[in-house]
Amino acid sequence: MKNGFLGYDTSLMLDVVVVALAAVVPALLFSLYQVKFKQNYTLHRNIQLGLAVVLLIAVAAFEVYMQIIHGGWENIVNKVPEAPRRTAEQMASIQKVLWIHLVFAISTPLLWAITIVLALKRIPKPPAPCEHSNLHKKLGWLSVVDITLTSVTGLWFYFAAFIA
């Protein structure tokens, strides 16, 4: 498939990542609901691990697709060099949005990895409240804010580059 499936002239992987970005926040909220109100620590752990694996695979595939197959996002935005969709000024503006997105997109997996690794090491099996719980809550909320900002800024980039 040459184009994306969301109805815009993008690429398959761009649309896959946009759907993943849109789905991750509700999945996180469900996971937080399970741990905070239902005390279902095992389901919370499993959702978090599942999200981490799925997002890691999706982002790795996305980067390979974008950088190796297409040679960068600019080549998808302006597929036909003789008739570019965006001017140089517009591309510079879109690049600024991308840089903002990358701040969160780079910090999120690092923060999430720290949160998950410490939890797997310090939280008992099966999961239950423990001495690590307070730090885990803080790291978890930072991770939630970071992934939410990754999602919002990623959707903002998609909009700026392909819809607006």
N, C-alpha and C. Protein backbone atom coordinates (compact mmCIF):
# COMPACT_ATOMS: atom_id res chain seq x y z
N MET A 1 0.85 -1.18 0.00
CA MET A 1 0.00 0.00 0.00
C MET A 1 0.89 1.24 0.00
N LYS A 2 0.72 2.05 -1.01
CA LYS A 2 1.56 3.24 -1.17
C LYS A 2 1.17 4.35 -0.21
N ASN A 3 -0.13 4.54 -0.03
CA ASN A 3 -0.62 5.62 0.82
C ASN A 3 -1.17 5.08 2.12
N GLY A 4 -1.38 5.99 3.05
CA GLY A 4 -1.96 5.61 4.33
C GLY A 4 -3.43 5.24 4.19
N PHE A 5 -4.01 4.77 5.29
CA PHE A 5 -5.40 4.32 5.29
C PHE A 5 -6.35 5.30 5.97
N LEU A 6 -5.83 6.42 6.46
CA LEU A 6 -6.69 7.40 7.15
C LEU A 6 -7.28 8.44 6.20
N GLY A 7 -6.98 8.30 4.92
CA GLY A 7 -7.56 9.20 3.94
C GLY A 7 -6.69 10.39 3.55
N TYR A 8 -5.47 10.42 4.07
CA TYR A 8 -4.55 11.51 3.73
C TYR A 8 -3.39 10.93 2.93
N ASP A 9 -2.74 11.75 2.17
CA ASP A 9 -1.63 11.30 1.33
C ASP A 9 -0.37 11.18 2.18
N THR A 10 -0.31 10.14 2.97
CA THR A 10 0.82 9.92 3.87
C THR A 10 1.48 8.59 3.49
N SER A 11 1.73 7.75 4.48
CA SER A 11 2.26 6.41 4.25
C SER A 11 1.59 5.47 5.24
N LEU A 12 1.69 4.20 4.95
CA LEU A 12 1.08 3.19 5.81
C LEU A 12 1.59 3.32 7.25
N MET A 13 2.90 3.38 7.42
CA MET A 13 3.46 3.42 8.78
C MET A 13 3.13 4.71 9.52
N LEU A 14 3.05 5.81 8.83
CA LEU A 14 2.64 7.06 9.49
C LEU A 14 1.24 6.89 10.07
N ASP A 15 0.34 6.31 9.29
CA ASP A 15 -1.03 6.13 9.77
C ASP A 15 -1.10 5.10 10.89
N VAL A 16 -0.28 4.05 10.82
CA VAL A 16 -0.24 3.06 11.91
C VAL A 16 0.19 3.73 13.21
N VAL A 17 1.23 4.56 13.14
CA VAL A 17 1.73 5.22 14.34
C VAL A 17 0.71 6.24 14.86
N VAL A 18 0.01 6.93 13.98
CA VAL A 18 -1.02 7.88 14.41
C VAL A 18 -2.13 7.15 15.16
N VAL A 19 -2.55 6.01 14.65
CA VAL A 19 -3.57 5.22 15.35
C VAL A 19 -3.04 4.75 16.70
N ALA A 20 -1.78 4.31 16.74
CA ALA A 20 -1.18 3.89 18.01
C ALA A 20 -1.12 5.05 19.00
N LEU A 21 -0.74 6.23 18.52
CA LEU A 21 -0.69 7.40 19.40
C LEU A 21 -2.08 7.75 19.95
N ALA A 22 -3.09 7.62 19.11
CA ALA A 22 -4.44 7.93 19.54
C ALA A 22 -4.98 6.87 20.51
N ALA A 23 -4.50 5.63 20.39
CA ALA A 23 -5.00 4.54 21.23
C ALA A 23 -4.27 4.43 22.56
N VAL A 24 -3.04 4.92 22.63
CA VAL A 24 -2.24 4.70 23.83
C VAL A 24 -2.80 5.44 25.05
N VAL A 25 -3.29 6.63 24.88
CA VAL A 25 -3.78 7.39 26.04
C VAL A 25 -5.02 6.73 26.66
N PRO A 26 -6.03 6.34 25.89
CA PRO A 26 -7.15 5.61 26.52
C PRO A 26 -6.71 4.30 27.18
N ALA A 27 -5.75 3.59 26.58
CA ALA A 27 -5.25 2.36 27.18
C ALA A 27 -4.55 2.66 28.51
N LEU A 28 -3.79 3.74 28.55
CA LEU A 28 -3.15 4.15 29.81
C LEU A 28 -4.18 4.50 30.87
N LEU A 29 -5.20 5.24 30.47
CA LEU A 29 -6.25 5.62 31.42
C LEU A 29 -6.96 4.38 31.98
N PHE A 30 -7.22 3.41 31.12
CA PHE A 30 -7.84 2.16 31.57
C PHE A 30 -6.92 1.44 32.56
N SER A 31 -5.63 1.40 32.25
CA SER A 31 -4.66 0.76 33.13
C SER A 31 -4.59 1.47 34.49
N LEU A 32 -4.60 2.80 34.46
CA LEU A 32 -4.57 3.56 35.71
C LEU A 32 -5.84 3.35 36.52
N TYR A 33 -6.97 3.28 35.84
CA TYR A 33 -8.24 2.99 36.52
C TYR A 33 -8.17 1.63 37.21
N GLN A 34 -7.61 0.65 36.52
CA GLN A 34 -7.52 -0.70 37.09
C GLN A 34 -6.67 -0.73 38.35
N VAL A 35 -5.57 0.00 38.36
CA VAL A 35 -4.69 -0.03 39.52
C VAL A 35 -5.21 0.86 40.65
N LYS A 36 -5.72 2.03 40.31
CA LYS A 36 -6.13 2.99 41.33
C LYS A 36 -7.46 2.63 42.00
N PHE A 37 -8.43 2.23 41.19
CA PHE A 37 -9.77 2.02 41.74
C PHE A 37 -10.14 0.55 41.93
N LYS A 38 -9.55 -0.32 41.14
CA LYS A 38 -9.87 -1.74 41.24
C LYS A 38 -8.78 -2.55 41.96
N GLN A 39 -7.65 -1.89 42.24
CA GLN A 39 -6.49 -2.55 42.84
C GLN A 39 -6.10 -3.82 42.08
N ASN A 40 -6.27 -3.78 40.77
CA ASN A 40 -5.91 -4.91 39.92
C ASN A 40 -4.48 -4.67 39.41
N TYR A 41 -3.53 -4.95 40.28
CA TYR A 41 -2.12 -4.67 40.00
C TYR A 41 -1.57 -5.54 38.87
N THR A 42 -2.03 -6.77 38.79
CA THR A 42 -1.54 -7.67 37.74
C THR A 42 -2.01 -7.19 36.37
N LEU A 43 -3.27 -6.80 36.25
CA LEU A 43 -3.76 -6.30 34.97
C LEU A 43 -3.03 -5.02 34.58
N HIS A 44 -2.81 -4.14 35.55
CA HIS A 44 -2.06 -2.90 35.31
C HIS A 44 -0.67 -3.23 34.76
N ARG A 45 0.03 -4.13 35.43
CA ARG A 45 1.37 -4.52 34.97
C ARG A 45 1.31 -5.08 33.55
N ASN A 46 0.36 -5.97 33.30
CA ASN A 46 0.28 -6.60 31.98
C ASN A 46 -0.05 -5.60 30.88
N ILE A 47 -0.93 -4.67 31.16
CA ILE A 47 -1.26 -3.63 30.17
C ILE A 47 -0.02 -2.77 29.89
N GLN A 48 0.67 -2.37 30.94
CA GLN A 48 1.86 -1.54 30.77
C GLN A 48 2.94 -2.26 29.97
N LEU A 49 3.18 -3.52 30.29
CA LEU A 49 4.18 -4.29 29.55
C LEU A 49 3.74 -4.48 28.10
N GLY A 50 2.47 -4.75 27.89
CA GLY A 50 1.95 -4.90 26.53
C GLY A 50 2.08 -3.63 25.72
N LEU A 51 1.71 -2.50 26.34
CA LEU A 51 1.85 -1.21 25.65
C LEU A 51 3.31 -0.92 25.32
N ALA A 52 4.20 -1.19 26.26
CA ALA A 52 5.61 -0.93 26.03
C ALA A 52 6.14 -1.75 24.86
N VAL A 53 5.79 -3.03 24.81
CA VAL A 53 6.26 -3.89 23.72
C VAL A 53 5.67 -3.44 22.38
N VAL A 54 4.36 -3.21 22.35
CA VAL A 54 3.70 -2.82 21.11
C VAL A 54 4.26 -1.49 20.60
N LEU A 55 4.41 -0.52 21.49
CA LEU A 55 4.93 0.78 21.06
C LEU A 55 6.39 0.70 20.64
N LEU A 56 7.18 -0.10 21.31
CA LEU A 56 8.58 -0.27 20.93
C LEU A 56 8.68 -0.86 19.52
N ILE A 57 7.90 -1.89 19.24
CA ILE A 57 7.90 -2.51 17.91
C ILE A 57 7.38 -1.51 16.87
N ALA A 58 6.30 -0.81 17.18
CA ALA A 58 5.72 0.14 16.23
C ALA A 58 6.68 1.27 15.92
N VAL A 59 7.33 1.81 16.92
CA VAL A 59 8.26 2.92 16.70
C VAL A 59 9.51 2.45 15.95
N ALA A 60 10.01 1.26 16.28
CA ALA A 60 11.18 0.73 15.56
C ALA A 60 10.84 0.51 14.09
N ALA A 61 9.69 -0.09 13.82
CA ALA A 61 9.27 -0.31 12.43
C ALA A 61 9.06 1.02 11.72
N PHE A 62 8.48 1.96 12.43
CA PHE A 62 8.24 3.30 11.88
C PHE A 62 9.55 3.97 11.48
N GLU A 63 10.53 3.95 12.36
CA GLU A 63 11.82 4.60 12.07
C GLU A 63 12.53 3.95 10.90
N VAL A 64 12.52 2.63 10.84
CA VAL A 64 13.12 1.93 9.70
C VAL A 64 12.40 2.34 8.42
N TYR A 65 11.09 2.33 8.47
CA TYR A 65 10.28 2.67 7.30
C TYR A 65 10.53 4.11 6.86
N MET A 66 10.52 5.02 7.83
CA MET A 66 10.69 6.44 7.50
C MET A 66 12.09 6.76 7.00
N GLN A 67 13.10 6.27 7.71
CA GLN A 67 14.48 6.67 7.39
C GLN A 67 15.08 5.85 6.26
N ILE A 68 14.89 4.55 6.27
CA ILE A 68 15.55 3.69 5.29
C ILE A 68 14.74 3.61 3.99
N ILE A 69 13.46 3.38 4.11
CA ILE A 69 12.65 3.20 2.91
C ILE A 69 12.33 4.53 2.23
N HIS A 70 11.95 5.54 3.03
CA HIS A 70 11.55 6.82 2.44
C HIS A 70 12.62 7.90 2.49
N GLY A 71 13.64 7.71 3.29
CA GLY A 71 14.70 8.71 3.38
C GLY A 71 14.29 9.95 4.16
N GLY A 72 13.30 9.83 5.03
CA GLY A 72 12.88 10.94 5.88
C GLY A 72 11.46 11.40 5.61
N TRP A 73 10.90 12.06 6.59
CA TRP A 73 9.50 12.50 6.50
C TRP A 73 9.29 13.51 5.38
N GLU A 74 10.32 14.28 5.08
CA GLU A 74 10.20 15.30 4.03
C GLU A 74 9.83 14.69 2.68
N ASN A 75 10.33 13.49 2.43
CA ASN A 75 10.06 12.81 1.16
C ASN A 75 8.63 12.29 1.08
N ILE A 76 7.98 12.14 2.22
CA ILE A 76 6.57 11.75 2.21
C ILE A 76 5.69 12.98 2.07
N VAL A 77 6.07 14.05 2.75
CA VAL A 77 5.31 15.30 2.63
C VAL A 77 5.34 15.80 1.20
N ASN A 78 6.51 15.88 0.64
CA ASN A 78 6.68 16.35 -0.75
C ASN A 78 7.09 15.17 -1.62
N LYS A 79 6.11 14.31 -1.90
CA LYS A 79 6.38 13.09 -2.66
C LYS A 79 6.88 13.38 -4.07
N VAL A 80 6.38 14.43 -4.66
CA VAL A 80 6.78 14.79 -6.02
C VAL A 80 7.63 16.06 -5.94
N PRO A 81 8.96 15.91 -6.04
CA PRO A 81 9.84 17.08 -5.89
C PRO A 81 9.55 18.21 -6.87
N GLU A 82 9.07 17.86 -8.06
CA GLU A 82 8.78 18.89 -9.07
C GLU A 82 7.54 19.70 -8.70
N ALA A 83 6.68 19.15 -7.88
CA ALA A 83 5.45 19.84 -7.46
C ALA A 83 5.27 19.65 -5.95
N PRO A 84 6.13 20.27 -5.15
CA PRO A 84 6.04 20.07 -3.69
C PRO A 84 4.72 20.56 -3.11
N ARG A 85 4.25 19.83 -2.13
CA ARG A 85 3.02 20.19 -1.42
C ARG A 85 3.24 21.35 -0.46
N ARG A 86 4.41 21.41 0.11
CA ARG A 86 4.72 22.43 1.11
C ARG A 86 5.90 23.27 0.65
N THR A 87 5.84 24.56 0.95
CA THR A 87 6.95 25.46 0.63
C THR A 87 8.07 25.25 1.64
N ALA A 88 9.22 25.83 1.35
CA ALA A 88 10.35 25.74 2.27
C ALA A 88 9.99 26.35 3.63
N GLU A 89 9.25 27.45 3.61
CA GLU A 89 8.83 28.10 4.85
C GLU A 89 7.89 27.19 5.65
N GLN A 90 6.96 26.55 4.97
CA GLN A 90 6.05 25.62 5.64
C GLN A 90 6.81 24.42 6.20
N MET A 91 7.76 23.91 5.44
CA MET A 91 8.57 22.78 5.91
C MET A 91 9.37 23.15 7.16
N ALA A 92 9.87 24.38 7.20
CA ALA A 92 10.61 24.84 8.37
C ALA A 92 9.69 24.91 9.59
N SER A 93 8.47 25.36 9.38
CA SER A 93 7.49 25.42 10.47
C SER A 93 7.14 24.02 10.96
N ILE A 94 6.95 23.10 10.03
CA ILE A 94 6.65 21.71 10.38
C ILE A 94 7.83 21.10 11.13
N GLN A 95 9.04 21.43 10.72
CA GLN A 95 10.25 20.91 11.39
C GLN A 95 10.27 21.34 12.86
N LYS A 96 9.84 22.56 13.14
CA LYS A 96 9.78 23.03 14.54
C LYS A 96 8.80 22.19 15.35
N VAL A 97 7.67 21.86 14.77
CA VAL A 97 6.69 20.99 15.45
C VAL A 97 7.33 19.63 15.71
N LEU A 98 8.06 19.12 14.72
CA LEU A 98 8.72 17.82 14.89
C LEU A 98 9.73 17.86 16.03
N TRP A 99 10.50 18.94 16.13
CA TRP A 99 11.49 19.03 17.22
C TRP A 99 10.81 19.02 18.58
N ILE A 100 9.68 19.70 18.69
CA ILE A 100 8.93 19.67 19.95
C ILE A 100 8.47 18.24 20.25
N HIS A 101 7.95 17.59 19.22
CA HIS A 101 7.51 16.20 19.38
C HIS A 101 8.67 15.30 19.81
N LEU A 102 9.83 15.49 19.21
CA LEU A 102 10.96 14.63 19.51
C LEU A 102 11.45 14.75 20.95
N VAL A 103 11.29 15.92 21.55
CA VAL A 103 11.65 16.07 22.97
C VAL A 103 10.90 15.02 23.80
N PHE A 104 9.62 14.89 23.55
CA PHE A 104 8.81 13.94 24.30
C PHE A 104 8.97 12.51 23.78
N ALA A 105 9.10 12.36 22.47
CA ALA A 105 9.23 11.03 21.88
C ALA A 105 10.53 10.35 22.30
N ILE A 106 11.55 11.11 22.60
CA ILE A 106 12.81 10.53 23.05
C ILE A 106 12.80 10.30 24.56
N SER A 107 12.24 11.24 25.31
CA SER A 107 12.23 11.07 26.76
C SER A 107 11.25 10.00 27.22
N THR A 108 10.17 9.80 26.50
CA THR A 108 9.15 8.84 26.92
C THR A 108 9.69 7.41 27.06
N PRO A 109 10.33 6.84 26.03
CA PRO A 109 10.79 5.46 26.22
C PRO A 109 11.85 5.33 27.31
N LEU A 110 12.66 6.37 27.48
CA LEU A 110 13.66 6.32 28.55
C LEU A 110 12.99 6.30 29.92
N LEU A 111 12.06 7.21 30.12
CA LEU A 111 11.35 7.29 31.40
C LEU A 111 10.51 6.03 31.64
N TRP A 112 9.84 5.59 30.59
CA TRP A 112 9.01 4.39 30.71
C TRP A 112 9.88 3.17 31.03
N ALA A 113 11.04 3.05 30.38
CA ALA A 113 11.95 1.93 30.63
C ALA A 113 12.42 1.93 32.08
N ILE A 114 12.79 3.10 32.60
CA ILE A 114 13.21 3.19 34.00
C ILE A 114 12.07 2.77 34.92
N THR A 115 10.88 3.26 34.64
CA THR A 115 9.70 2.92 35.46
C THR A 115 9.45 1.43 35.44
N ILE A 116 9.50 0.83 34.27
CA ILE A 116 9.20 -0.61 34.14
C ILE A 116 10.31 -1.47 34.76
N VAL A 117 11.56 -1.14 34.47
CA VAL A 117 12.67 -1.95 34.99
C VAL A 117 12.68 -1.92 36.51
N LEU A 118 12.53 -0.73 37.09
CA LEU A 118 12.50 -0.65 38.56
C LEU A 118 11.30 -1.40 39.13
N ALA A 119 10.16 -1.31 38.47
CA ALA A 119 8.98 -2.03 38.95
C ALA A 119 9.20 -3.54 38.90
N LEU A 120 9.76 -4.02 37.80
CA LEU A 120 9.99 -5.46 37.68
C LEU A 120 10.99 -5.96 38.71
N LYS A 121 11.95 -5.11 39.07
CA LYS A 121 12.95 -5.50 40.07
C LYS A 121 12.43 -5.37 41.51
N ARG A 122 11.65 -4.34 41.79
CA ARG A 122 11.33 -4.00 43.18
C ARG A 122 9.92 -4.36 43.64
N ILE A 123 9.01 -4.55 42.71
CA ILE A 123 7.63 -4.85 43.10
C ILE A 123 7.48 -6.37 43.17
N PRO A 124 6.86 -6.86 44.23
CA PRO A 124 6.75 -8.32 44.39
C PRO A 124 5.91 -8.96 43.29
N LYS A 125 6.05 -10.28 43.20
CA LYS A 125 5.26 -11.06 42.25
C LYS A 125 4.41 -12.02 43.06
N PRO A 126 3.11 -11.95 42.92
CA PRO A 126 2.31 -11.06 42.11
C PRO A 126 2.39 -9.62 42.62
N PRO A 127 2.11 -8.65 41.72
CA PRO A 127 2.24 -7.24 42.10
C PRO A 127 1.32 -6.86 43.26
N ALA A 128 1.88 -6.07 44.15
CA ALA A 128 1.14 -5.57 45.32
C ALA A 128 1.85 -4.34 45.82
N PRO A 129 1.16 -3.51 46.61
CA PRO A 129 1.82 -2.34 47.19
C PRO A 129 3.06 -2.76 48.00
N CYS A 130 4.10 -1.92 47.95
CA CYS A 130 5.35 -2.22 48.63
C CYS A 130 6.12 -0.93 48.87
N GLU A 131 7.35 -1.04 49.34
CA GLU A 131 8.18 0.14 49.60
C GLU A 131 8.43 0.96 48.34
N HIS A 132 8.46 0.32 47.20
CA HIS A 132 8.74 1.00 45.93
C HIS A 132 7.51 1.75 45.40
N SER A 133 6.36 1.51 45.96
CA SER A 133 5.11 2.05 45.41
C SER A 133 5.11 3.56 45.25
N ASN A 134 5.60 4.30 46.24
CA ASN A 134 5.58 5.77 46.15
C ASN A 134 6.42 6.28 44.98
N LEU A 135 7.64 5.74 44.83
CA LEU A 135 8.48 6.14 43.70
C LEU A 135 7.83 5.70 42.39
N HIS A 136 7.26 4.50 42.38
CA HIS A 136 6.62 4.00 41.17
C HIS A 136 5.46 4.90 40.74
N LYS A 137 4.69 5.36 41.70
CA LYS A 137 3.58 6.27 41.37
C LYS A 137 4.11 7.56 40.74
N LYS A 138 5.17 8.12 41.31
CA LYS A 138 5.74 9.36 40.76
C LYS A 138 6.28 9.13 39.35
N LEU A 139 7.06 8.08 39.18
CA LEU A 139 7.60 7.77 37.86
C LEU A 139 6.47 7.45 36.87
N GLY A 140 5.47 6.75 37.36
CA GLY A 140 4.33 6.40 36.51
C GLY A 140 3.59 7.63 36.01
N TRP A 141 3.33 8.57 36.92
CA TRP A 141 2.62 9.79 36.50
C TRP A 141 3.47 10.63 35.55
N LEU A 142 4.78 10.70 35.80
CA LEU A 142 5.67 11.40 34.85
C LEU A 142 5.61 10.72 33.48
N SER A 143 5.61 9.40 33.49
CA SER A 143 5.53 8.65 32.23
C SER A 143 4.21 8.91 31.52
N VAL A 144 3.12 8.96 32.27
CA VAL A 144 1.80 9.23 31.68
C VAL A 144 1.77 10.61 31.03
N VAL A 145 2.28 11.60 31.74
CA VAL A 145 2.32 12.96 31.18
C VAL A 145 3.19 12.98 29.93
N ASP A 146 4.34 12.32 30.00
CA ASP A 146 5.27 12.32 28.87
C ASP A 146 4.68 11.62 27.65
N ILE A 147 4.08 10.44 27.83
CA ILE A 147 3.49 9.74 26.69
C ILE A 147 2.29 10.49 26.14
N THR A 148 1.55 11.16 27.01
CA THR A 148 0.42 11.97 26.54
C THR A 148 0.93 13.13 25.68
N LEU A 149 1.99 13.78 26.13
CA LEU A 149 2.58 14.86 25.33
C LEU A 149 3.20 14.34 24.04
N THR A 150 3.77 13.13 24.09
CA THR A 150 4.26 12.51 22.86
C THR A 150 3.11 12.31 21.88
N SER A 151 2.00 11.81 22.39
CA SER A 151 0.83 11.57 21.54
C SER A 151 0.28 12.87 20.96
N VAL A 152 0.09 13.86 21.81
CA VAL A 152 -0.48 15.14 21.37
C VAL A 152 0.42 15.81 20.34
N THR A 153 1.73 15.84 20.62
CA THR A 153 2.64 16.51 19.69
C THR A 153 2.82 15.68 18.41
N GLY A 154 2.73 14.36 18.50
CA GLY A 154 2.79 13.53 17.31
C GLY A 154 1.59 13.75 16.40
N LEU A 155 0.42 13.86 17.01
CA LEU A 155 -0.78 14.16 16.24
C LEU A 155 -0.71 15.57 15.66
N TRP A 156 -0.14 16.49 16.42
CA TRP A 156 0.06 17.86 15.93
C TRP A 156 0.97 17.84 14.70
N PHE A 157 2.07 17.09 14.76
CA PHE A 157 2.98 16.98 13.60
C PHE A 157 2.23 16.40 12.40
N TYR A 158 1.52 15.34 12.61
CA TYR A 158 0.76 14.70 11.51
C TYR A 158 -0.20 15.71 10.87
N PHE A 159 -0.90 16.44 11.72
CA PHE A 159 -1.83 17.46 11.22
C PHE A 159 -1.09 18.54 10.41
N ALA A 160 -0.01 19.06 11.01
CA ALA A 160 0.74 20.14 10.35
C ALA A 160 1.34 19.69 9.03
N ALA A 161 1.84 18.47 8.99
CA ALA A 161 2.55 18.00 7.80
C ALA A 161 1.62 17.50 6.70
N PHE A 162 0.48 16.89 7.08
CA PHE A 162 -0.31 16.19 6.07
C PHE A 162 -1.76 16.63 5.93
N ILE A 163 -2.27 17.39 6.87
CA ILE A 163 -3.69 17.75 6.81
C ILE A 163 -3.89 19.23 6.57
N ALA A 164 -3.20 20.06 7.35
CA ALA A 164 -3.40 21.52 7.28
C ALA A 164 -3.09 22.09 5.91
